[in-house]
Amino acid sequence: MTPTITAFERSPDGGKGLARDMRVRWALEEVGQPYEVRYVSFAAMKQPAHRGRNPFGQIPTYEDGGLVLFESGAIIFHIAGRHAGLLPADADARARAIAWMFAAVSTVEPPILEFASAWLFESPQSWAAERMPMLEERVHVRLRDLSARLGEAEWLDGNFSAGDLMMVHVLQRLAPSGMLAKHPSLAAYVARAEARPAYRRAFAAQYAVNAAA
């Protein structure tokens, strides 16, 4: 069967690839799995039909036969487990790739989201000038650690994996701030991932919907 994912009818970022359905699109493109997309409005996301797929009224969701999943990390883990190409065959290497998936959303993403939200929505506040440097430094701590671990390697652990896919998409949220420029190895890492044909197909598909809206 062809799986169906949900995505914003109109993405808040205008189709720049930051919405989390992009992660799922990219994963499906990497493994060569065709998929369909159900586009939902912000209002529809909070209605019972969509909450039946995601109790928190968010995107993306994934449906394949009787299986319904939410949370992008869980969806990608499922896709990677069902199809070759995103997780190594070697058991130890596979475990390390999964660890990087968790690191992306549990260790690296939280300070980035906190910074991005403050940068976008709280900058006009009188206290922002004092708070923003602290939030920015928290991000740089994670980026310095990640950059040190990556070193001169092309990917985090051997070949490109679901761990890289998740990590790159997390790092892309920093693009508007220019923070990645202070970490050249990570900027190059993101650029390598964005050059992958699967990424380009996924990005084009998401952008096309928003450009036409």
C-alpha atoms as a PDB file:
ATOM      1  CA  MET A   1       0.000   0.000   0.000  1.00  0.00           C
ATOM      2  CA  THR A   2       1.023   3.617  -0.514  1.00  0.00           C
ATOM      3  CA  PRO A   3       1.417   5.417   2.814  1.00  0.00           C
ATOM      4  CA  THR A   4      -0.262   8.768   3.415  1.00  0.00           C
ATOM      5  CA  ILE A   5       1.300  11.564   5.423  1.00  0.00           C
ATOM      6  CA  THR A   6      -0.244  14.807   6.584  1.00  0.00           C
ATOM      7  CA  ALA A   7       1.252  18.239   6.022  1.00  0.00           C
ATOM      8  CA  PHE A   8       0.289  21.882   6.417  1.00  0.00           C
ATOM      9  CA  GLU A   9      -2.120  23.155   3.813  1.00  0.00           C
ATOM     10  CA  ARG A  10      -0.092  26.348   4.106  1.00  0.00           C
ATOM     11  CA  SER A  11       3.233  26.020   5.914  1.00  0.00           C
ATOM     12  CA  PRO A  12       4.152  28.837   8.360  1.00  0.00           C
ATOM     13  CA  ASP A  13       7.604  29.075   6.760  1.00  0.00           C
ATOM     14  CA  GLY A  14       6.234  29.417   3.244  1.00  0.00           C
ATOM     15  CA  GLY A  15       7.702  26.127   2.081  1.00  0.00           C
ATOM     16  CA  LYS A  16      11.311  26.620   3.155  1.00  0.00           C
ATOM     17  CA  GLY A  17      11.539  23.037   4.382  1.00  0.00           C
ATOM     18  CA  LEU A  18      11.398  23.673   8.123  1.00  0.00           C
ATOM     19  CA  ALA A  19       8.014  22.053   8.817  1.00  0.00           C
ATOM     20  CA  ARG A  20       8.404  18.558  10.224  1.00  0.00           C
ATOM     21  CA  ASP A  21       6.616  16.833   7.362  1.00  0.00           C
ATOM     22  CA  MET A  22       9.825  17.618   5.450  1.00  0.00           C
ATOM     23  CA  ARG A  23      11.672  15.035   7.550  1.00  0.00           C
ATOM     24  CA  VAL A  24       9.168  12.355   6.615  1.00  0.00           C
ATOM     25  CA  ARG A  25       9.073  13.334   2.944  1.00  0.00           C
ATOM     26  CA  TRP A  26      12.868  13.191   2.860  1.00  0.00           C
ATOM     27  CA  ALA A  27      12.990   9.779   4.511  1.00  0.00           C
ATOM     28  CA  LEU A  28      10.462   8.367   2.056  1.00  0.00           C
ATOM     29  CA  GLU A  29      12.410   9.805  -0.866  1.00  0.00           C
ATOM     30  CA  GLU A  30      15.665   8.313   0.468  1.00  0.00           C
ATOM     31  CA  VAL A  31      14.191   4.804   0.532  1.00  0.00           C
ATOM     32  CA  GLY A  32      12.302   5.196  -2.743  1.00  0.00           C
ATOM     33  CA  GLN A  33       8.844   4.771  -1.235  1.00  0.00           C
ATOM     34  CA  PRO A  34       6.005   6.583  -3.055  1.00  0.00           C
ATOM     35  CA  TYR A  35       3.588   8.381  -0.753  1.00  0.00           C
ATOM     36  CA  GLU A  36       0.491  10.509  -0.756  1.00  0.00           C
ATOM     37  CA  VAL A  37      -0.087  13.706   1.183  1.00  0.00           C
ATOM     38  CA  ARG A  38      -3.218  14.840   2.973  1.00  0.00           C
ATOM     39  CA  TYR A  39      -3.052  18.607   3.420  1.00  0.00           C
ATOM     40  CA  VAL A  40      -4.739  20.031   6.502  1.00  0.00           C
ATOM     41  CA  SER A  41      -5.511  23.577   7.558  1.00  0.00           C
ATOM     42  CA  PHE A  42      -4.737  24.881  11.038  1.00  0.00           C
ATOM     43  CA  ALA A  43      -8.425  24.630  11.875  1.00  0.00           C
ATOM     44  CA  ALA A  44      -8.698  21.059  10.595  1.00  0.00           C
ATOM     45  CA  MET A  45      -5.666  20.008  12.641  1.00  0.00           C
ATOM     46  CA  LYS A  46      -7.687  20.595  15.819  1.00  0.00           C
ATOM     47  CA  GLN A  47     -10.761  18.709  14.677  1.00  0.00           C
ATOM     48  CA  PRO A  48     -11.593  15.144  15.827  1.00  0.00           C
ATOM     49  CA  ALA A  49     -10.694  13.578  12.469  1.00  0.00           C
ATOM     50  CA  HIS A  50      -7.092  14.746  12.676  1.00  0.00           C
ATOM     51  CA  ARG A  51      -6.821  14.326  16.434  1.00  0.00           C
ATOM     52  CA  GLY A  52      -7.645  10.688  15.800  1.00  0.00           C
ATOM     53  CA  ARG A  53      -4.321  10.540  13.979  1.00  0.00           C
ATOM     54  CA  ASN A  54      -2.408  12.834  16.341  1.00  0.00           C
ATOM     55  CA  PRO A  55      -3.993  13.533  19.742  1.00  0.00           C
ATOM     56  CA  PHE A  56      -2.056  16.816  19.979  1.00  0.00           C
ATOM     57  CA  GLY A  57      -3.435  18.172  16.719  1.00  0.00           C
ATOM     58  CA  GLN A  58      -0.078  18.491  14.970  1.00  0.00           C
ATOM     59  CA  ILE A  59       1.615  17.346  11.783  1.00  0.00           C
ATOM     60  CA  PRO A  60       3.039  15.136  10.413  1.00  0.00           C
ATOM     61  CA  THR A  61       1.163  11.895  10.726  1.00  0.00           C
ATOM     62  CA  TYR A  62       1.681   8.662   8.825  1.00  0.00           C
ATOM     63  CA  GLU A  63      -0.900   6.082   7.752  1.00  0.00           C
ATOM     64  CA  ASP A  64      -0.152   2.764   6.104  1.00  0.00           C
ATOM     65  CA  GLY A  65      -2.993   0.282   6.095  1.00  0.00           C
ATOM     66  CA  GLY A  66      -4.170  -0.009   9.674  1.00  0.00           C
ATOM     67  CA  LEU A  67      -1.045   1.624  11.102  1.00  0.00           C
ATOM     68  CA  VAL A  68      -1.309   5.249  12.178  1.00  0.00           C
ATOM     69  CA  LEU A  69       1.732   7.039  13.617  1.00  0.00           C
ATOM     70  CA  PHE A  70       2.540  10.523  14.843  1.00  0.00           C
ATOM     71  CA  GLU A  71       5.817  12.193  15.891  1.00  0.00           C
ATOM     72  CA  SER A  72       8.321  12.637  13.070  1.00  0.00           C
ATOM     73  CA  GLY A  73      11.088  10.706  14.822  1.00  0.00           C
ATOM     74  CA  ALA A  74       8.867   7.674  15.371  1.00  0.00           C
ATOM     75  CA  ILE A  75       7.667   7.818  11.761  1.00  0.00           C
ATOM     76  CA  ILE A  76      11.200   7.967  10.394  1.00  0.00           C
ATOM     77  CA  PHE A  77      12.312   5.143  12.667  1.00  0.00           C
ATOM     78  CA  HIS A  78       9.454   3.033  11.297  1.00  0.00           C
ATOM     79  CA  ILE A  79      10.306   3.891   7.685  1.00  0.00           C
ATOM     80  CA  ALA A  80      13.994   3.150   8.276  1.00  0.00           C
ATOM     81  CA  GLY A  81      13.141  -0.193   9.852  1.00  0.00           C
ATOM     82  CA  ARG A  82      10.878  -1.242   7.005  1.00  0.00           C
ATOM     83  CA  HIS A  83      13.073  -0.116   4.096  1.00  0.00           C
ATOM     84  CA  ALA A  84      16.790  -0.361   3.388  1.00  0.00           C
ATOM     85  CA  GLY A  85      18.848   2.800   3.084  1.00  0.00           C
ATOM     86  CA  LEU A  86      18.476   4.742   6.323  1.00  0.00           C
ATOM     87  CA  LEU A  87      19.858   2.367   8.941  1.00  0.00           C
ATOM     88  CA  PRO A  88      23.016   0.218   8.657  1.00  0.00           C
ATOM     89  CA  ALA A  89      22.726  -3.555   8.485  1.00  0.00           C
ATOM     90  CA  ASP A  90      25.412  -4.012  11.146  1.00  0.00           C
ATOM     91  CA  ALA A  91      23.723  -4.150  14.552  1.00  0.00           C
ATOM     92  CA  ASP A  92      26.189  -1.896  16.360  1.00  0.00           C
ATOM     93  CA  ALA A  93      26.240   0.707  13.584  1.00  0.00           C
ATOM     94  CA  ARG A  94      22.452   0.576  13.499  1.00  0.00           C
ATOM     95  CA  ALA A  95      22.277   1.262  17.226  1.00  0.00           C
ATOM     96  CA  ARG A  96      24.629   4.225  16.856  1.00  0.00           C
ATOM     97  CA  ALA A  97      22.509   5.689  14.045  1.00  0.00           C
ATOM     98  CA  ILE A  98      19.426   5.395  16.238  1.00  0.00           C
ATOM     99  CA  ALA A  99      21.308   7.111  19.063  1.00  0.00           C
ATOM    100  CA  TRP A 100      21.971  10.047  16.737  1.00  0.00           C
ATOM    101  CA  MET A 101      18.268  10.234  15.923  1.00  0.00           C
ATOM    102  CA  PHE A 102      17.532  10.598  19.631  1.00  0.00           C
ATOM    103  CA  ALA A 103      20.390  13.078  20.063  1.00  0.00           C
ATOM    104  CA  ALA A 104      18.963  15.274  17.334  1.00  0.00           C
ATOM    105  CA  VAL A 105      15.539  15.675  18.938  1.00  0.00           C
ATOM    106  CA  SER A 106      16.451  15.298  22.622  1.00  0.00           C
ATOM    107  CA  THR A 107      19.801  17.094  22.943  1.00  0.00           C
ATOM    108  CA  VAL A 108      20.349  19.426  20.000  1.00  0.00           C
ATOM    109  CA  GLU A 109      16.844  20.526  19.056  1.00  0.00           C
ATOM    110  CA  PRO A 110      15.504  21.850  22.421  1.00  0.00           C
ATOM    111  CA  PRO A 111      17.935  24.791  22.798  1.00  0.00           C
ATOM    112  CA  ILE A 112      17.572  25.569  19.086  1.00  0.00           C
ATOM    113  CA  LEU A 113      13.775  25.716  19.363  1.00  0.00           C
ATOM    114  CA  GLU A 114      13.971  27.886  22.462  1.00  0.00           C
ATOM    115  CA  PHE A 115      16.353  30.279  20.737  1.00  0.00           C
ATOM    116  CA  ALA A 116      14.381  30.334  17.475  1.00  0.00           C
ATOM    117  CA  SER A 117      11.093  31.027  19.239  1.00  0.00           C
ATOM    118  CA  ALA A 118      12.613  33.852  21.261  1.00  0.00           C
ATOM    119  CA  TRP A 119      14.384  35.299  18.215  1.00  0.00           C
ATOM    120  CA  LEU A 120      11.191  35.285  16.136  1.00  0.00           C
ATOM    121  CA  PHE A 121       8.580  36.264  18.699  1.00  0.00           C
ATOM    122  CA  GLU A 122      10.221  37.871  21.723  1.00  0.00           C
ATOM    123  CA  SER A 123      12.793  40.247  20.209  1.00  0.00           C
ATOM    124  CA  PRO A 124      10.627  43.374  20.728  1.00  0.00           C
ATOM    125  CA  GLN A 125      10.364  42.731  24.467  1.00  0.00           C
ATOM    126  CA  SER A 126      12.394  44.954  26.777  1.00  0.00           C
ATOM    127  CA  TRP A 127      14.133  42.010  28.412  1.00  0.00           C
ATOM    128  CA  ALA A 128      15.096  40.297  25.136  1.00  0.00           C
ATOM    129  CA  ALA A 129      18.511  42.008  24.953  1.00  0.00           C
ATOM    130  CA  GLU A 130      19.536  40.301  28.194  1.00  0.00           C
ATOM    131  CA  ARG A 131      17.975  36.910  27.483  1.00  0.00           C
ATOM    132  CA  MET A 132      19.000  36.350  23.872  1.00  0.00           C
ATOM    133  CA  PRO A 133      22.779  36.066  24.431  1.00  0.00           C
ATOM    134  CA  MET A 134      22.163  33.355  27.016  1.00  0.00           C
ATOM    135  CA  LEU A 135      19.912  31.393  24.658  1.00  0.00           C
ATOM    136  CA  GLU A 136      22.365  31.816  21.798  1.00  0.00           C
ATOM    137  CA  GLU A 137      25.255  30.520  23.892  1.00  0.00           C
ATOM    138  CA  ARG A 138      23.254  27.426  24.841  1.00  0.00           C
ATOM    139  CA  VAL A 139      22.915  26.659  21.142  1.00  0.00           C
ATOM    140  CA  HIS A 140      26.598  27.268  20.483  1.00  0.00           C
ATOM    141  CA  VAL A 141      27.528  24.838  23.270  1.00  0.00           C
ATOM    142  CA  ARG A 142      25.644  22.091  21.449  1.00  0.00           C
ATOM    143  CA  LEU A 143      27.025  23.122  18.075  1.00  0.00           C
ATOM    144  CA  ARG A 144      30.607  23.115  19.321  1.00  0.00           C
ATOM    145  CA  ASP A 145      30.173  19.625  20.747  1.00  0.00           C
ATOM    146  CA  LEU A 146      28.533  18.373  17.565  1.00  0.00           C
ATOM    147  CA  SER A 147      31.195  19.964  15.373  1.00  0.00           C
ATOM    148  CA  ALA A 148      33.944  18.376  17.464  1.00  0.00           C
ATOM    149  CA  ARG A 149      32.315  14.967  17.096  1.00  0.00           C
ATOM    150  CA  LEU A 150      31.796  15.336  13.350  1.00  0.00           C
ATOM    151  CA  GLY A 151      35.374  16.503  12.771  1.00  0.00           C
ATOM    152  CA  GLU A 152      36.388  16.059   9.136  1.00  0.00           C
ATOM    153  CA  ALA A 153      33.925  13.212   8.544  1.00  0.00           C
ATOM    154  CA  GLU A 154      31.261  13.443   5.873  1.00  0.00           C
ATOM    155  CA  TRP A 155      28.507  12.043   8.107  1.00  0.00           C
ATOM    156  CA  LEU A 156      28.106  11.389  11.824  1.00  0.00           C
ATOM    157  CA  ASP A 157      28.907   7.672  11.771  1.00  0.00           C
ATOM    158  CA  GLY A 158      30.005   6.126   8.491  1.00  0.00           C
ATOM    159  CA  ASN A 159      27.422   6.394   5.728  1.00  0.00           C
ATOM    160  CA  PHE A 160      24.461   8.761   5.670  1.00  0.00           C
ATOM    161  CA  SER A 161      21.714   7.505   7.974  1.00  0.00           C
ATOM    162  CA  ALA A 162      18.435   8.470   9.617  1.00  0.00           C
ATOM    163  CA  GLY A 163      20.574  10.026  12.338  1.00  0.00           C
ATOM    164  CA  ASP A 164      22.036  12.482   9.821  1.00  0.00           C
ATOM    165  CA  LEU A 165      18.618  13.167   8.318  1.00  0.00           C
ATOM    166  CA  MET A 166      17.171  14.107  11.698  1.00  0.00           C
ATOM    167  CA  MET A 167      20.213  16.097  12.767  1.00  0.00           C
ATOM    168  CA  VAL A 168      20.406  18.117   9.561  1.00  0.00           C
ATOM    169  CA  HIS A 169      16.736  19.020   9.688  1.00  0.00           C
ATOM    170  CA  VAL A 170      17.177  20.210  13.275  1.00  0.00           C
ATOM    171  CA  LEU A 171      20.180  22.340  12.284  1.00  0.00           C
ATOM    172  CA  GLN A 172      18.328  23.878   9.355  1.00  0.00           C
ATOM    173  CA  ARG A 173      16.111  25.767  11.790  1.00  0.00           C
ATOM    174  CA  LEU A 174      19.133  27.973  12.500  1.00  0.00           C
ATOM    175  CA  ALA A 175      19.404  29.146   8.881  1.00  0.00           C
ATOM    176  CA  PRO A 176      17.520  32.457   9.352  1.00  0.00           C
ATOM    177  CA  SER A 177      19.753  33.442  12.284  1.00  0.00           C
ATOM    178  CA  GLY A 178      23.079  32.830  10.524  1.00  0.00           C
ATOM    179  CA  MET A 179      24.427  30.984  13.571  1.00  0.00           C
ATOM    180  CA  LEU A 180      25.714  28.028  11.567  1.00  0.00           C
ATOM    181  CA  ALA A 181      28.219  30.280   9.826  1.00  0.00           C
ATOM    182  CA  LYS A 182      30.219  30.275  13.066  1.00  0.00           C
ATOM    183  CA  HIS A 183      30.577  26.490  12.738  1.00  0.00           C
ATOM    184  CA  PRO A 184      31.879  25.912   9.195  1.00  0.00           C
ATOM    185  CA  SER A 185      32.046  22.127   9.466  1.00  0.00           C
ATOM    186  CA  LEU A 186      28.358  21.982  10.396  1.00  0.00           C
ATOM    187  CA  ALA A 187      27.403  24.434   7.657  1.00  0.00           C
ATOM    188  CA  ALA A 188      29.200  22.164   5.163  1.00  0.00           C
ATOM    189  CA  TYR A 189      27.507  19.114   6.694  1.00  0.00           C
ATOM    190  CA  VAL A 190      24.076  20.644   6.151  1.00  0.00           C
ATOM    191  CA  ALA A 191      24.993  21.668   2.598  1.00  0.00           C
ATOM    192  CA  ARG A 192      26.063  18.098   1.773  1.00  0.00           C
ATOM    193  CA  ALA A 193      22.742  16.762   2.966  1.00  0.00           C
ATOM    194  CA  GLU A 194      20.786  19.397   1.065  1.00  0.00           C
ATOM    195  CA  ALA A 195      22.615  18.375  -2.118  1.00  0.00           C
ATOM    196  CA  ARG A 196      21.284  14.816  -1.885  1.00  0.00           C
ATOM    197  CA  PRO A 197      18.773  14.068  -4.681  1.00  0.00           C
ATOM    198  CA  ALA A 198      16.245  12.711  -2.179  1.00  0.00           C
ATOM    199  CA  TYR A 199      16.364  15.941  -0.189  1.00  0.00           C
ATOM    200  CA  ARG A 200      15.944  18.034  -3.313  1.00  0.00           C
ATOM    201  CA  ARG A 201      12.874  16.026  -4.360  1.00  0.00           C
ATOM    202  CA  ALA A 202      11.309  16.333  -0.922  1.00  0.00           C
ATOM    203  CA  PHE A 203      12.012  20.063  -0.730  1.00  0.00           C
ATOM    204  CA  ALA A 204      10.595  20.686  -4.204  1.00  0.00           C
ATOM    205  CA  ALA A 205       7.406  18.809  -3.327  1.00  0.00           C
ATOM    206  CA  GLN A 206       6.855  20.789  -0.137  1.00  0.00           C
ATOM    207  CA  TYR A 207       7.767  24.115  -1.725  1.00  0.00           C
ATOM    208  CA  ALA A 208       5.464  23.587  -4.705  1.00  0.00           C
ATOM    209  CA  VAL A 209       2.400  23.311  -2.486  1.00  0.00           C
ATOM    210  CA  ASN A 210       3.192  26.508  -0.612  1.00  0.00           C
ATOM    211  CA  ALA A 211       4.206  28.423  -3.728  1.00  0.00           C
ATOM    212  CA  ALA A 212       0.858  27.595  -5.321  1.00  0.00           C
ATOM    213  CA  ALA A 213      -1.199  28.501  -2.256  1.00  0.00           C
END
